[in-house]
Amino acid sequence: MSDIEFDYPKASQSVVNALREEFPHDTIATTKGYKGRVHVKIVSETFNGMNGEDRQAFVYDLLRAKLGEESQPVTLVQAWGTEDL
């Protein structure tokens, strides 16, 4: 893992803002990981019927498309469909 230290409050807010555009009414939470890395948890019916790998790819692809290099602090994505709860 890189030794880069990220500004968690700034990175987290950028991530949440980007995800809110796609998931305006869904549950999104972040927690601080090692050296300011961002761990994302999201619950959305968008993920119903998707496997875990596809859910993670969906979120990572979305963040890379919206944030580019600013998506680097995200090191963990946990995504659930509403049917999983």
PDB file of N, CA and C in Angstrom:
ATOM      1  N   MET A   1       0.849  -1.177   0.000  1.00  0.00           N
ATOM      2  CA  MET A   1       0.000   0.000   0.000  1.00  0.00           C
ATOM      3  C   MET A   1       0.891   1.235   0.000  1.00  0.00           C
ATOM      4  N   SER A   2       0.493   2.223  -0.740  1.00  0.00           N
ATOM      5  CA  SER A   2       1.249   3.460  -0.864  1.00  0.00           C
ATOM      6  C   SER A   2       1.341   4.190   0.466  1.00  0.00           C
ATOM      7  N   ASP A   3       2.403   4.944   0.615  1.00  0.00           N
ATOM      8  CA  ASP A   3       2.611   5.711   1.840  1.00  0.00           C
ATOM      9  C   ASP A   3       1.959   7.092   1.777  1.00  0.00           C
ATOM     10  N   ILE A   4       1.216   7.367   0.727  1.00  0.00           N
ATOM     11  CA  ILE A   4       0.560   8.663   0.572  1.00  0.00           C
ATOM     12  C   ILE A   4      -0.486   8.842   1.668  1.00  0.00           C
ATOM     13  N   GLU A   5      -0.504  10.035   2.252  1.00  0.00           N
ATOM     14  CA  GLU A   5      -1.529  10.379   3.247  1.00  0.00           C
ATOM     15  C   GLU A   5      -2.574  11.245   2.542  1.00  0.00           C
ATOM     16  N   PHE A   6      -3.837  10.850   2.639  1.00  0.00           N
ATOM     17  CA  PHE A   6      -4.919  11.588   1.995  1.00  0.00           C
ATOM     18  C   PHE A   6      -5.648  12.459   3.005  1.00  0.00           C
ATOM     19  N   ASP A   7      -6.239  13.533   2.513  1.00  0.00           N
ATOM     20  CA  ASP A   7      -7.072  14.419   3.333  1.00  0.00           C
ATOM     21  C   ASP A   7      -8.468  13.790   3.385  1.00  0.00           C
ATOM     22  N   TYR A   8      -8.705  12.968   4.416  1.00  0.00           N
ATOM     23  CA  TYR A   8      -9.950  12.200   4.479  1.00  0.00           C
ATOM     24  C   TYR A   8     -11.205  13.066   4.380  1.00  0.00           C
ATOM     25  N   PRO A   9     -11.340  14.150   5.159  1.00  0.00           N
ATOM     26  CA  PRO A   9     -12.590  14.922   5.053  1.00  0.00           C
ATOM     27  C   PRO A   9     -12.862  15.415   3.628  1.00  0.00           C
ATOM     28  N   LYS A  10     -11.830  15.904   2.962  1.00  0.00           N
ATOM     29  CA  LYS A  10     -11.996  16.399   1.590  1.00  0.00           C
ATOM     30  C   LYS A  10     -12.296  15.251   0.624  1.00  0.00           C
ATOM     31  N   ALA A  11     -11.517  14.183   0.718  1.00  0.00           N
ATOM     32  CA  ALA A  11     -11.708  13.040  -0.179  1.00  0.00           C
ATOM     33  C   ALA A  11     -13.078  12.405   0.022  1.00  0.00           C
ATOM     34  N   SER A  12     -13.467  12.238   1.274  1.00  0.00           N
ATOM     35  CA  SER A  12     -14.754  11.631   1.587  1.00  0.00           C
ATOM     36  C   SER A  12     -15.904  12.458   1.025  1.00  0.00           C
ATOM     37  N   GLN A  13     -15.827  13.768   1.188  1.00  0.00           N
ATOM     38  CA  GLN A  13     -16.896  14.639   0.685  1.00  0.00           C
ATOM     39  C   GLN A  13     -16.982  14.572  -0.832  1.00  0.00           C
ATOM     40  N   SER A  14     -15.840  14.536  -1.508  1.00  0.00           N
ATOM     41  CA  SER A  14     -15.831  14.415  -2.971  1.00  0.00           C
ATOM     42  C   SER A  14     -16.480  13.109  -3.421  1.00  0.00           C
ATOM     43  N   VAL A  15     -16.157  12.037  -2.719  1.00  0.00           N
ATOM     44  CA  VAL A  15     -16.714  10.721  -3.048  1.00  0.00           C
ATOM     45  C   VAL A  15     -18.227  10.717  -2.838  1.00  0.00           C
ATOM     46  N   VAL A  16     -18.671  11.208  -1.701  1.00  0.00           N
ATOM     47  CA  VAL A  16     -20.111  11.234  -1.415  1.00  0.00           C
ATOM     48  C   VAL A  16     -20.836  12.108  -2.435  1.00  0.00           C
ATOM     49  N   ASN A  17     -20.282  13.268  -2.756  1.00  0.00           N
ATOM     50  CA  ASN A  17     -20.922  14.150  -3.738  1.00  0.00           C
ATOM     51  C   ASN A  17     -21.056  13.461  -5.093  1.00  0.00           C
ATOM     52  N   ALA A  18     -20.013  12.766  -5.520  1.00  0.00           N
ATOM     53  CA  ALA A  18     -20.057  12.057  -6.804  1.00  0.00           C
ATOM     54  C   ALA A  18     -21.099  10.943  -6.780  1.00  0.00           C
ATOM     55  N   LEU A  19     -21.150  10.200  -5.684  1.00  0.00           N
ATOM     56  CA  LEU A  19     -22.121   9.107  -5.577  1.00  0.00           C
ATOM     57  C   LEU A  19     -23.545   9.620  -5.462  1.00  0.00           C
ATOM     58  N   ARG A  20     -23.741  10.757  -4.816  1.00  0.00           N
ATOM     59  CA  ARG A  20     -25.082  11.333  -4.658  1.00  0.00           C
ATOM     60  C   ARG A  20     -25.716  11.660  -6.001  1.00  0.00           C
ATOM     61  N   GLU A  21     -24.897  12.009  -6.989  1.00  0.00           N
ATOM     62  CA  GLU A  21     -25.439  12.292  -8.321  1.00  0.00           C
ATOM     63  C   GLU A  21     -26.119  11.051  -8.903  1.00  0.00           C
ATOM     64  N   GLU A  22     -25.549   9.893  -8.652  1.00  0.00           N
ATOM     65  CA  GLU A  22     -26.084   8.627  -9.175  1.00  0.00           C
ATOM     66  C   GLU A  22     -27.104   7.996  -8.235  1.00  0.00           C
ATOM     67  N   PHE A  23     -26.922   8.207  -6.939  1.00  0.00           N
ATOM     68  CA  PHE A  23     -27.760   7.581  -5.911  1.00  0.00           C
ATOM     69  C   PHE A  23     -28.339   8.653  -4.977  1.00  0.00           C
ATOM     70  N   PRO A  24     -29.224   9.513  -5.488  1.00  0.00           N
ATOM     71  CA  PRO A  24     -29.676  10.660  -4.678  1.00  0.00           C
ATOM     72  C   PRO A  24     -30.467  10.293  -3.427  1.00  0.00           C
ATOM     73  N   HIS A  25     -31.116   9.142  -3.409  1.00  0.00           N
ATOM     74  CA  HIS A  25     -31.980   8.797  -2.274  1.00  0.00           C
ATOM     75  C   HIS A  25     -31.528   7.543  -1.529  1.00  0.00           C
ATOM     76  N   ASP A  26     -30.351   7.052  -1.853  1.00  0.00           N
ATOM     77  CA  ASP A  26     -29.871   5.812  -1.251  1.00  0.00           C
ATOM     78  C   ASP A  26     -28.944   6.091  -0.072  1.00  0.00           C
ATOM     79  N   THR A  27     -28.658   5.061   0.687  1.00  0.00           N
ATOM     80  CA  THR A  27     -27.799   5.188   1.862  1.00  0.00           C
ATOM     81  C   THR A  27     -26.338   5.094   1.440  1.00  0.00           C
ATOM     82  N   ILE A  28     -25.576   6.129   1.786  1.00  0.00           N
ATOM     83  CA  ILE A  28     -24.147   6.177   1.491  1.00  0.00           C
ATOM     84  C   ILE A  28     -23.432   6.575   2.770  1.00  0.00           C
ATOM     85  N   ALA A  29     -22.403   5.828   3.121  1.00  0.00           N
ATOM     86  CA  ALA A  29     -21.594   6.166   4.296  1.00  0.00           C
ATOM     87  C   ALA A  29     -20.131   5.923   3.956  1.00  0.00           C
ATOM     88  N   THR A  30     -19.264   6.707   4.583  1.00  0.00           N
ATOM     89  CA  THR A  30     -17.833   6.475   4.434  1.00  0.00           C
ATOM     90  C   THR A  30     -17.199   6.386   5.813  1.00  0.00           C
ATOM     91  N   THR A  31     -16.103   5.657   5.870  1.00  0.00           N
ATOM     92  CA  THR A  31     -15.297   5.605   7.086  1.00  0.00           C
ATOM     93  C   THR A  31     -13.844   5.821   6.684  1.00  0.00           C
ATOM     94  N   LYS A  32     -13.073   6.262   7.659  1.00  0.00           N
ATOM     95  CA  LYS A  32     -11.666   6.564   7.413  1.00  0.00           C
ATOM     96  C   LYS A  32     -10.823   5.307   7.542  1.00  0.00           C
ATOM     97  N   GLY A  33     -10.037   5.053   6.512  1.00  0.00           N
ATOM     98  CA  GLY A  33      -9.109   3.934   6.530  1.00  0.00           C
ATOM     99  C   GLY A  33      -7.691   4.421   6.779  1.00  0.00           C
ATOM    100  N   TYR A  34      -6.742   3.548   6.554  1.00  0.00           N
ATOM    101  CA  TYR A  34      -5.321   3.820   6.764  1.00  0.00           C
ATOM    102  C   TYR A  34      -4.878   5.067   6.003  1.00  0.00           C
ATOM    103  N   LYS A  35      -4.254   5.991   6.700  1.00  0.00           N
ATOM    104  CA  LYS A  35      -3.706   7.225   6.129  1.00  0.00           C
ATOM    105  C   LYS A  35      -4.729   7.999   5.301  1.00  0.00           C
ATOM    106  N   GLY A  36      -5.949   8.084   5.803  1.00  0.00           N
ATOM    107  CA  GLY A  36      -6.980   8.902   5.179  1.00  0.00           C
ATOM    108  C   GLY A  36      -7.698   8.271   4.011  1.00  0.00           C
ATOM    109  N   ARG A  37      -7.464   6.995   3.786  1.00  0.00           N
ATOM    110  CA  ARG A  37      -8.171   6.340   2.689  1.00  0.00           C
ATOM    111  C   ARG A  37      -9.663   6.264   2.999  1.00  0.00           C
ATOM    112  N   VAL A  38     -10.457   6.202   1.944  1.00  0.00           N
ATOM    113  CA  VAL A  38     -11.910   6.247   2.081  1.00  0.00           C
ATOM    114  C   VAL A  38     -12.490   4.859   1.846  1.00  0.00           C
ATOM    115  N   HIS A  39     -13.268   4.393   2.812  1.00  0.00           N
ATOM    116  CA  HIS A  39     -14.012   3.143   2.690  1.00  0.00           C
ATOM    117  C   HIS A  39     -15.477   3.513   2.506  1.00  0.00           C
ATOM    118  N   VAL A  40     -16.093   2.973   1.472  1.00  0.00           N
ATOM    119  CA  VAL A  40     -17.454   3.343   1.079  1.00  0.00           C
ATOM    120  C   VAL A  40     -18.410   2.193   1.349  1.00  0.00           C
ATOM    121  N   LYS A  41     -19.551   2.533   1.934  1.00  0.00           N
ATOM    122  CA  LYS A  41     -20.657   1.587   2.096  1.00  0.00           C
ATOM    123  C   LYS A  41     -21.877   2.225   1.453  1.00  0.00           C
ATOM    124  N   ILE A  42     -22.565   1.449   0.632  1.00  0.00           N
ATOM    125  CA  ILE A  42     -23.733   1.981  -0.061  1.00  0.00           C
ATOM    126  C   ILE A  42     -24.802   0.902  -0.189  1.00  0.00           C
ATOM    127  N   VAL A  43     -26.050   1.297   0.025  1.00  0.00           N
ATOM    128  CA  VAL A  43     -27.199   0.404  -0.141  1.00  0.00           C
ATOM    129  C   VAL A  43     -28.120   1.043  -1.173  1.00  0.00           C
ATOM    130  N   SER A  44     -28.416   0.295  -2.234  1.00  0.00           N
ATOM    131  CA  SER A  44     -29.269   0.819  -3.298  1.00  0.00           C
ATOM    132  C   SER A  44     -29.963  -0.331  -4.020  1.00  0.00           C
ATOM    133  N   GLU A  45     -31.186  -0.093  -4.443  1.00  0.00           N
ATOM    134  CA  GLU A  45     -31.857  -1.138  -5.224  1.00  0.00           C
ATOM    135  C   GLU A  45     -31.210  -1.293  -6.600  1.00  0.00           C
ATOM    136  N   THR A  46     -30.372  -0.359  -6.997  1.00  0.00           N
ATOM    137  CA  THR A  46     -29.602  -0.500  -8.237  1.00  0.00           C
ATOM    138  C   THR A  46     -28.797  -1.796  -8.237  1.00  0.00           C
ATOM    139  N   PHE A  47     -28.365  -2.230  -7.050  1.00  0.00           N
ATOM    140  CA  PHE A  47     -27.509  -3.409  -6.936  1.00  0.00           C
ATOM    141  C   PHE A  47     -28.284  -4.720  -6.824  1.00  0.00           C
ATOM    142  N   ASN A  48     -29.605  -4.659  -6.753  1.00  0.00           N
ATOM    143  CA  ASN A  48     -30.400  -5.888  -6.694  1.00  0.00           C
ATOM    144  C   ASN A  48     -30.110  -6.732  -7.935  1.00  0.00           C
ATOM    145  N   GLY A  49     -29.818  -8.000  -7.729  1.00  0.00           N
ATOM    146  CA  GLY A  49     -29.548  -8.913  -8.837  1.00  0.00           C
ATOM    147  C   GLY A  49     -28.108  -8.908  -9.332  1.00  0.00           C
ATOM    148  N   MET A  50     -27.268  -8.038  -8.776  1.00  0.00           N
ATOM    149  CA  MET A  50     -25.854  -7.995  -9.166  1.00  0.00           C
ATOM    150  C   MET A  50     -25.030  -8.783  -8.153  1.00  0.00           C
ATOM    151  N   ASN A  51     -23.965  -9.424  -8.624  1.00  0.00           N
ATOM    152  CA  ASN A  51     -23.072 -10.087  -7.679  1.00  0.00           C
ATOM    153  C   ASN A  51     -22.110  -9.054  -7.081  1.00  0.00           C
ATOM    154  N   GLY A  52     -21.401  -9.449  -6.051  1.00  0.00           N
ATOM    155  CA  GLY A  52     -20.527  -8.530  -5.332  1.00  0.00           C
ATOM    156  C   GLY A  52     -19.452  -7.899  -6.200  1.00  0.00           C
ATOM    157  N   GLU A  53     -18.862  -8.693  -7.074  1.00  0.00           N
ATOM    158  CA  GLU A  53     -17.811  -8.176  -7.953  1.00  0.00           C
ATOM    159  C   GLU A  53     -18.359  -7.109  -8.898  1.00  0.00           C
ATOM    160  N   ASP A  54     -19.547  -7.352  -9.456  1.00  0.00           N
ATOM    161  CA  ASP A  54     -20.161  -6.380 -10.360  1.00  0.00           C
ATOM    162  C   ASP A  54     -20.545  -5.098  -9.624  1.00  0.00           C
ATOM    163  N   ARG A  55     -20.987  -5.231  -8.385  1.00  0.00           N
ATOM    164  CA  ARG A  55     -21.335  -4.047  -7.588  1.00  0.00           C
ATOM    165  C   ARG A  55     -20.111  -3.177  -7.364  1.00  0.00           C
ATOM    166  N   GLN A  56     -19.011  -3.812  -6.956  1.00  0.00           N
ATOM    167  CA  GLN A  56     -17.781  -3.058  -6.717  1.00  0.00           C
ATOM    168  C   GLN A  56     -17.293  -2.397  -8.002  1.00  0.00           C
ATOM    169  N   ALA A  57     -17.309  -3.135  -9.093  1.00  0.00           N
ATOM    170  CA  ALA A  57     -16.866  -2.584 -10.373  1.00  0.00           C
ATOM    171  C   ALA A  57     -17.732  -1.393 -10.776  1.00  0.00           C
ATOM    172  N   PHE A  58     -19.041  -1.500 -10.555  1.00  0.00           N
ATOM    173  CA  PHE A  58     -19.963  -0.412 -10.882  1.00  0.00           C
ATOM    174  C   PHE A  58     -19.564   0.854 -10.134  1.00  0.00           C
ATOM    175  N   VAL A  59     -19.326   0.726  -8.828  1.00  0.00           N
ATOM    176  CA  VAL A  59     -18.997   1.894  -8.002  1.00  0.00           C
ATOM    177  C   VAL A  59     -17.617   2.438  -8.361  1.00  0.00           C
ATOM    178  N   TYR A  60     -16.616   1.574  -8.475  1.00  0.00           N
ATOM    179  CA  TYR A  60     -15.270   2.045  -8.830  1.00  0.00           C
ATOM    180  C   TYR A  60     -15.264   2.720 -10.204  1.00  0.00           C
ATOM    181  N   ASP A  61     -15.947   2.141 -11.187  1.00  0.00           N
ATOM    182  CA  ASP A  61     -16.010   2.742 -12.523  1.00  0.00           C
ATOM    183  C   ASP A  61     -16.688   4.106 -12.470  1.00  0.00           C
ATOM    184  N   LEU A  62     -17.756   4.199 -11.709  1.00  0.00           N
ATOM    185  CA  LEU A  62     -18.473   5.463 -11.556  1.00  0.00           C
ATOM    186  C   LEU A  62     -17.565   6.528 -10.943  1.00  0.00           C
ATOM    187  N   LEU A  63     -16.864   6.157  -9.876  1.00  0.00           N
ATOM    188  CA  LEU A  63     -15.978   7.120  -9.211  1.00  0.00           C
ATOM    189  C   LEU A  63     -14.821   7.541 -10.114  1.00  0.00           C
ATOM    190  N   ARG A  64     -14.243   6.604 -10.844  1.00  0.00           N
ATOM    191  CA  ARG A  64     -13.153   6.963 -11.764  1.00  0.00           C
ATOM    192  C   ARG A  64     -13.658   7.899 -12.861  1.00  0.00           C
ATOM    193  N   ALA A  65     -14.867   7.644 -13.367  1.00  0.00           N
ATOM    194  CA  ALA A  65     -15.428   8.488 -14.420  1.00  0.00           C
ATOM    195  C   ALA A  65     -15.720   9.899 -13.913  1.00  0.00           C
ATOM    196  N   LYS A  66     -16.216  10.006 -12.693  1.00  0.00           N
ATOM    197  CA  LYS A  66     -16.595  11.311 -12.152  1.00  0.00           C
ATOM    198  C   LYS A  66     -15.430  12.063 -11.513  1.00  0.00           C
ATOM    199  N   LEU A  67     -14.495  11.338 -10.891  1.00  0.00           N
ATOM    200  CA  LEU A  67     -13.439  11.989 -10.112  1.00  0.00           C
ATOM    201  C   LEU A  67     -12.036  11.845 -10.700  1.00  0.00           C
ATOM    202  N   GLY A  68     -11.861  10.929 -11.629  1.00  0.00           N
ATOM    203  CA  GLY A  68     -10.524  10.718 -12.182  1.00  0.00           C
ATOM    204  C   GLY A  68      -9.532  10.350 -11.085  1.00  0.00           C
ATOM    205  N   GLU A  69      -8.405  11.055 -11.042  1.00  0.00           N
ATOM    206  CA  GLU A  69      -7.347  10.791 -10.054  1.00  0.00           C
ATOM    207  C   GLU A  69      -7.831  10.993  -8.619  1.00  0.00           C
ATOM    208  N   GLU A  70      -8.844  11.821  -8.434  1.00  0.00           N
ATOM    209  CA  GLU A  70      -9.365  12.073  -7.088  1.00  0.00           C
ATOM    210  C   GLU A  70     -10.080  10.857  -6.506  1.00  0.00           C
ATOM    211  N   SER A  71     -10.248   9.803  -7.293  1.00  0.00           N
ATOM    212  CA  SER A  71     -10.862   8.574  -6.776  1.00  0.00           C
ATOM    213  C   SER A  71      -9.829   7.673  -6.102  1.00  0.00           C
ATOM    214  N   GLN A  72      -8.543   8.021  -6.184  1.00  0.00           N
ATOM    215  CA  GLN A  72      -7.477   7.184  -5.617  1.00  0.00           C
ATOM    216  C   GLN A  72      -7.632   6.868  -4.137  1.00  0.00           C
ATOM    217  N   PRO A  73      -8.138   7.778  -3.304  1.00  0.00           N
ATOM    218  CA  PRO A  73      -8.243   7.454  -1.877  1.00  0.00           C
ATOM    219  C   PRO A  73      -9.218   6.311  -1.561  1.00  0.00           C
ATOM    220  N   VAL A  74     -10.103   5.975  -2.493  1.00  0.00           N
ATOM    221  CA  VAL A  74     -11.086   4.916  -2.231  1.00  0.00           C
ATOM    222  C   VAL A  74     -10.395   3.563  -2.346  1.00  0.00           C
ATOM    223  N   THR A  75     -10.328   2.848  -1.222  1.00  0.00           N
ATOM    224  CA  THR A  75      -9.652   1.549  -1.219  1.00  0.00           C
ATOM    225  C   THR A  75     -10.567   0.398  -0.821  1.00  0.00           C
ATOM    226  N   LEU A  76     -11.808   0.710  -0.470  1.00  0.00           N
ATOM    227  CA  LEU A  76     -12.753  -0.346  -0.111  1.00  0.00           C
ATOM    228  C   LEU A  76     -14.155   0.107  -0.480  1.00  0.00           C
ATOM    229  N   VAL A  77     -14.880  -0.761  -1.176  1.00  0.00           N
ATOM    230  CA  VAL A  77     -16.284  -0.503  -1.510  1.00  0.00           C
ATOM    231  C   VAL A  77     -17.092  -1.705  -1.065  1.00  0.00           C
ATOM    232  N   GLN A  78     -18.112  -1.436  -0.260  1.00  0.00           N
ATOM    233  CA  GLN A  78     -19.084  -2.461   0.120  1.00  0.00           C
ATOM    234  C   GLN A  78     -20.436  -1.961  -0.370  1.00  0.00           C
ATOM    235  N   ALA A  79     -21.025  -2.701  -1.296  1.00  0.00           N
ATOM    236  CA  ALA A  79     -22.295  -2.292  -1.890  1.00  0.00           C
ATOM    237  C   ALA A  79     -23.303  -3.423  -1.745  1.00  0.00           C
ATOM    238  N   TRP A  80     -24.491  -3.061  -1.300  1.00  0.00           N
ATOM    239  CA  TRP A  80     -25.565  -4.031  -1.114  1.00  0.00           C
ATOM    240  C   TRP A  80     -26.810  -3.561  -1.844  1.00  0.00           C
ATOM    241  N   GLY A  81     -27.576  -4.528  -2.341  1.00  0.00           N
ATOM    242  CA  GLY A  81     -28.895  -4.234  -2.861  1.00  0.00           C
ATOM    243  C   GLY A  81     -29.892  -4.244  -1.713  1.00  0.00           C
ATOM    244  N   THR A  82     -31.034  -3.635  -1.919  1.00  0.00           N
ATOM    245  CA  THR A  82     -32.055  -3.615  -0.867  1.00  0.00           C
ATOM    246  C   THR A  82     -32.571  -5.018  -0.583  1.00  0.00           C
ATOM    247  N   GLU A  83     -32.470  -5.916  -1.555  1.00  0.00           N
ATOM    248  CA  GLU A  83     -32.907  -7.300  -1.347  1.00  0.00           C
ATOM    249  C   GLU A  83     -31.952  -8.080  -0.448  1.00  0.00           C
ATOM    250  N   ASP A  84     -30.761  -7.549  -0.229  1.00  0.00           N
ATOM    251  CA  ASP A  84     -29.766  -8.224   0.612  1.00  0.00           C
ATOM    252  C   ASP A  84     -30.015  -8.005   2.095  1.00  0.00           C
ATOM    253  N   LEU A  85     -30.830  -7.038   2.424  1.00  0.00           N
ATOM    254  CA  LEU A  85     -31.016  -6.677   3.832  1.00  0.00           C
ATOM    255  C   LEU A  85     -32.185  -7.397   4.445  1.00  0.00           C
TER     256      LEU A  85
END
